[in-house]
Amino acid sequence: MIRIISIFMLILCLIASACSFFIPREKPDGNSLTLWMPGASSVQVLSDWNDWGGSVSAGGIINPVSGRMERVDGGIWSLDISWLPGGVYRYVFFVNGYKWTRDQSNPETAEYEGRIVSVVRVPD
């Protein structure tokens, strides 16, 4: 009986701690973009403000340093966008040089070349 209770308590603890992974973070505040992706080796932001990683002007080739995010604690990647002029911008995370990932913590979306991407509003 004690073993069953212990297993039940363990399952409850695992469920309770896992719930925090499903709670979305606040959408971008206009100062930085963040992504929790602990297994990534590189993350870039492709966006309106950097010609989608340079691919618009370079014949579809993404510049590997354009929009490069910085890895910070706990597998979080961050990019400061406080320098951007006020406005509305579309963006997507480009993970490990091949995977487009929409910002799941940001419910505001738009379309870019048939793909759903995220939108950030930078205040004036």
C-alpha atoms as a PDB file:
ATOM      1  CA  MET A   1       0.000   0.000   0.000  1.00  0.00           C
ATOM      2  CA  ILE A   2       2.805   2.423   0.855  1.00  0.00           C
ATOM      3  CA  ARG A   3       4.459   1.654  -2.462  1.00  0.00           C
ATOM      4  CA  ILE A   4       1.250   2.496  -4.364  1.00  0.00           C
ATOM      5  CA  ILE A   5       0.904   5.778  -2.460  1.00  0.00           C
ATOM      6  CA  SER A   6       4.564   6.614  -3.164  1.00  0.00           C
ATOM      7  CA  ILE A   7       4.121   5.943  -6.882  1.00  0.00           C
ATOM      8  CA  PHE A   8       0.923   8.007  -6.917  1.00  0.00           C
ATOM      9  CA  MET A   9       2.680  10.924  -5.168  1.00  0.00           C
ATOM     10  CA  LEU A  10       5.579  10.705  -7.616  1.00  0.00           C
ATOM     11  CA  ILE A  11       3.187  10.839 -10.562  1.00  0.00           C
ATOM     12  CA  LEU A  12       1.393  13.854  -9.063  1.00  0.00           C
ATOM     13  CA  CYS A  13       4.709  15.675  -8.564  1.00  0.00           C
ATOM     14  CA  LEU A  14       5.759  14.959 -12.146  1.00  0.00           C
ATOM     15  CA  ILE A  15       2.441  16.204 -13.491  1.00  0.00           C
ATOM     16  CA  ALA A  16       2.574  19.350 -11.359  1.00  0.00           C
ATOM     17  CA  SER A  17       6.123  20.206 -12.442  1.00  0.00           C
ATOM     18  CA  ALA A  18       5.401  19.473 -16.109  1.00  0.00           C
ATOM     19  CA  CYS A  19       2.480  21.907 -16.134  1.00  0.00           C
ATOM     20  CA  SER A  20       4.896  24.826 -15.968  1.00  0.00           C
ATOM     21  CA  PHE A  21       6.225  23.802 -19.392  1.00  0.00           C
ATOM     22  CA  PHE A  22       2.789  24.329 -20.899  1.00  0.00           C
ATOM     23  CA  ILE A  23       2.165  27.775 -19.437  1.00  0.00           C
ATOM     24  CA  PRO A  24       3.044  30.234 -22.193  1.00  0.00           C
ATOM     25  CA  ARG A  25       5.436  33.027 -21.406  1.00  0.00           C
ATOM     26  CA  GLU A  26       4.294  36.550 -21.978  1.00  0.00           C
ATOM     27  CA  LYS A  27       4.443  37.642 -25.580  1.00  0.00           C
ATOM     28  CA  PRO A  28       7.460  39.756 -26.554  1.00  0.00           C
ATOM     29  CA  ASP A  29       7.689  43.115 -24.816  1.00  0.00           C
ATOM     30  CA  GLY A  30       9.362  44.952 -27.673  1.00  0.00           C
ATOM     31  CA  ASN A  31      12.808  44.872 -26.029  1.00  0.00           C
ATOM     32  CA  SER A  32      13.934  41.297 -26.628  1.00  0.00           C
ATOM     33  CA  LEU A  33      12.934  37.994 -28.118  1.00  0.00           C
ATOM     34  CA  THR A  34      13.557  34.786 -26.184  1.00  0.00           C
ATOM     35  CA  LEU A  35      13.229  31.114 -26.948  1.00  0.00           C
ATOM     36  CA  TRP A  36      13.650  28.142 -24.635  1.00  0.00           C
ATOM     37  CA  MET A  37      15.412  25.555 -26.765  1.00  0.00           C
ATOM     38  CA  PRO A  38      18.004  23.759 -24.598  1.00  0.00           C
ATOM     39  CA  GLY A  39      18.981  21.218 -27.273  1.00  0.00           C
ATOM     40  CA  ALA A  40      19.725  23.789 -29.968  1.00  0.00           C
ATOM     41  CA  SER A  41      23.247  24.436 -31.174  1.00  0.00           C
ATOM     42  CA  SER A  42      22.274  27.712 -32.886  1.00  0.00           C
ATOM     43  CA  VAL A  43      19.220  29.949 -33.117  1.00  0.00           C
ATOM     44  CA  GLN A  44      18.680  32.945 -35.376  1.00  0.00           C
ATOM     45  CA  VAL A  45      15.797  35.331 -35.808  1.00  0.00           C
ATOM     46  CA  LEU A  46      14.680  35.685 -39.406  1.00  0.00           C
ATOM     47  CA  SER A  47      12.495  38.744 -39.787  1.00  0.00           C
ATOM     48  CA  ASP A  48      11.305  41.757 -41.706  1.00  0.00           C
ATOM     49  CA  TRP A  49      14.029  43.917 -40.156  1.00  0.00           C
ATOM     50  CA  ASN A  50      16.913  41.729 -41.408  1.00  0.00           C
ATOM     51  CA  ASP A  51      15.479  40.747 -44.816  1.00  0.00           C
ATOM     52  CA  TRP A  52      14.671  37.290 -43.443  1.00  0.00           C
ATOM     53  CA  GLY A  53      18.269  36.547 -42.557  1.00  0.00           C
ATOM     54  CA  GLY A  54      19.514  38.122 -45.759  1.00  0.00           C
ATOM     55  CA  SER A  55      17.703  35.527 -47.866  1.00  0.00           C
ATOM     56  CA  VAL A  56      15.597  38.159 -49.642  1.00  0.00           C
ATOM     57  CA  SER A  57      18.638  39.923 -51.083  1.00  0.00           C
ATOM     58  CA  ALA A  58      20.980  36.929 -51.391  1.00  0.00           C
ATOM     59  CA  GLY A  59      18.937  34.754 -53.674  1.00  0.00           C
ATOM     60  CA  GLY A  60      17.399  32.666 -50.903  1.00  0.00           C
ATOM     61  CA  ILE A  61      20.588  31.965 -48.946  1.00  0.00           C
ATOM     62  CA  ILE A  62      20.366  32.717 -45.225  1.00  0.00           C
ATOM     63  CA  ASN A  63      23.364  34.501 -43.724  1.00  0.00           C
ATOM     64  CA  PRO A  64      24.434  32.356 -40.718  1.00  0.00           C
ATOM     65  CA  VAL A  65      25.244  35.408 -38.578  1.00  0.00           C
ATOM     66  CA  SER A  66      22.173  37.500 -39.361  1.00  0.00           C
ATOM     67  CA  GLY A  67      19.878  37.678 -36.339  1.00  0.00           C
ATOM     68  CA  ARG A  68      22.052  35.323 -34.307  1.00  0.00           C
ATOM     69  CA  MET A  69      20.651  34.815 -30.819  1.00  0.00           C
ATOM     70  CA  GLU A  70      22.782  34.513 -27.690  1.00  0.00           C
ATOM     71  CA  ARG A  71      22.510  31.460 -25.447  1.00  0.00           C
ATOM     72  CA  VAL A  72      21.836  32.415 -21.827  1.00  0.00           C
ATOM     73  CA  ASP A  73      21.099  30.329 -18.726  1.00  0.00           C
ATOM     74  CA  GLY A  74      18.962  27.206 -18.802  1.00  0.00           C
ATOM     75  CA  GLY A  75      18.784  26.722 -22.555  1.00  0.00           C
ATOM     76  CA  ILE A  76      17.215  30.109 -23.190  1.00  0.00           C
ATOM     77  CA  TRP A  77      18.232  31.999 -26.309  1.00  0.00           C
ATOM     78  CA  SER A  78      17.838  35.789 -26.432  1.00  0.00           C
ATOM     79  CA  LEU A  79      18.088  38.630 -28.928  1.00  0.00           C
ATOM     80  CA  ASP A  80      17.954  42.319 -28.006  1.00  0.00           C
ATOM     81  CA  ILE A  81      15.623  44.221 -30.330  1.00  0.00           C
ATOM     82  CA  SER A  82      15.376  47.432 -28.318  1.00  0.00           C
ATOM     83  CA  TRP A  83      17.255  49.263 -31.094  1.00  0.00           C
ATOM     84  CA  LEU A  84      14.462  48.675 -33.616  1.00  0.00           C
ATOM     85  CA  PRO A  85      12.331  51.684 -34.589  1.00  0.00           C
ATOM     86  CA  GLY A  86       8.727  51.468 -33.445  1.00  0.00           C
ATOM     87  CA  GLY A  87       6.528  49.358 -35.661  1.00  0.00           C
ATOM     88  CA  VAL A  88       5.101  45.917 -36.348  1.00  0.00           C
ATOM     89  CA  TYR A  89       7.486  43.190 -37.482  1.00  0.00           C
ATOM     90  CA  ARG A  90       7.098  39.568 -38.536  1.00  0.00           C
ATOM     91  CA  TYR A  91       9.682  37.058 -37.337  1.00  0.00           C
ATOM     92  CA  VAL A  92      10.469  33.378 -36.889  1.00  0.00           C
ATOM     93  CA  PHE A  93      13.161  31.426 -35.060  1.00  0.00           C
ATOM     94  CA  PHE A  94      15.577  29.498 -37.294  1.00  0.00           C
ATOM     95  CA  VAL A  95      16.920  26.606 -35.224  1.00  0.00           C
ATOM     96  CA  ASN A  96      20.122  24.697 -36.033  1.00  0.00           C
ATOM     97  CA  GLY A  97      20.300  26.173 -39.520  1.00  0.00           C
ATOM     98  CA  TYR A  98      17.273  24.383 -40.957  1.00  0.00           C
ATOM     99  CA  LYS A  99      14.104  24.493 -38.835  1.00  0.00           C
ATOM    100  CA  TRP A 100      11.627  27.395 -38.923  1.00  0.00           C
ATOM    101  CA  THR A 101       9.946  27.675 -35.526  1.00  0.00           C
ATOM    102  CA  ARG A 102       7.157  30.109 -34.742  1.00  0.00           C
ATOM    103  CA  ASP A 103       7.291  31.751 -31.300  1.00  0.00           C
ATOM    104  CA  GLN A 104       4.877  29.526 -29.378  1.00  0.00           C
ATOM    105  CA  SER A 105       4.752  31.996 -26.471  1.00  0.00           C
ATOM    106  CA  ASN A 106       3.384  34.714 -28.747  1.00  0.00           C
ATOM    107  CA  PRO A 107      -0.191  34.241 -29.973  1.00  0.00           C
ATOM    108  CA  GLU A 108       0.020  37.056 -32.532  1.00  0.00           C
ATOM    109  CA  THR A 109       0.760  35.668 -35.994  1.00  0.00           C
ATOM    110  CA  ALA A 110       0.897  36.646 -39.656  1.00  0.00           C
ATOM    111  CA  GLU A 111       1.939  34.994 -42.891  1.00  0.00           C
ATOM    112  CA  TYR A 112       5.217  35.145 -44.775  1.00  0.00           C
ATOM    113  CA  GLU A 113       5.606  33.222 -48.039  1.00  0.00           C
ATOM    114  CA  GLY A 114       2.889  30.761 -47.091  1.00  0.00           C
ATOM    115  CA  ARG A 115       4.235  30.109 -43.569  1.00  0.00           C
ATOM    116  CA  ILE A 116       2.715  31.179 -40.278  1.00  0.00           C
ATOM    117  CA  VAL A 117       5.162  33.435 -38.441  1.00  0.00           C
ATOM    118  CA  SER A 118       5.068  35.495 -35.261  1.00  0.00           C
ATOM    119  CA  VAL A 119       4.517  39.235 -34.920  1.00  0.00           C
ATOM    120  CA  VAL A 120       6.161  41.638 -32.495  1.00  0.00           C
ATOM    121  CA  ARG A 121       5.016  45.207 -31.890  1.00  0.00           C
ATOM    122  CA  VAL A 122       7.861  47.521 -30.970  1.00  0.00           C
ATOM    123  CA  PRO A 123       6.624  50.645 -29.191  1.00  0.00           C
ATOM    124  CA  ASP A 124       7.584  54.101 -30.504  1.00  0.00           C
END
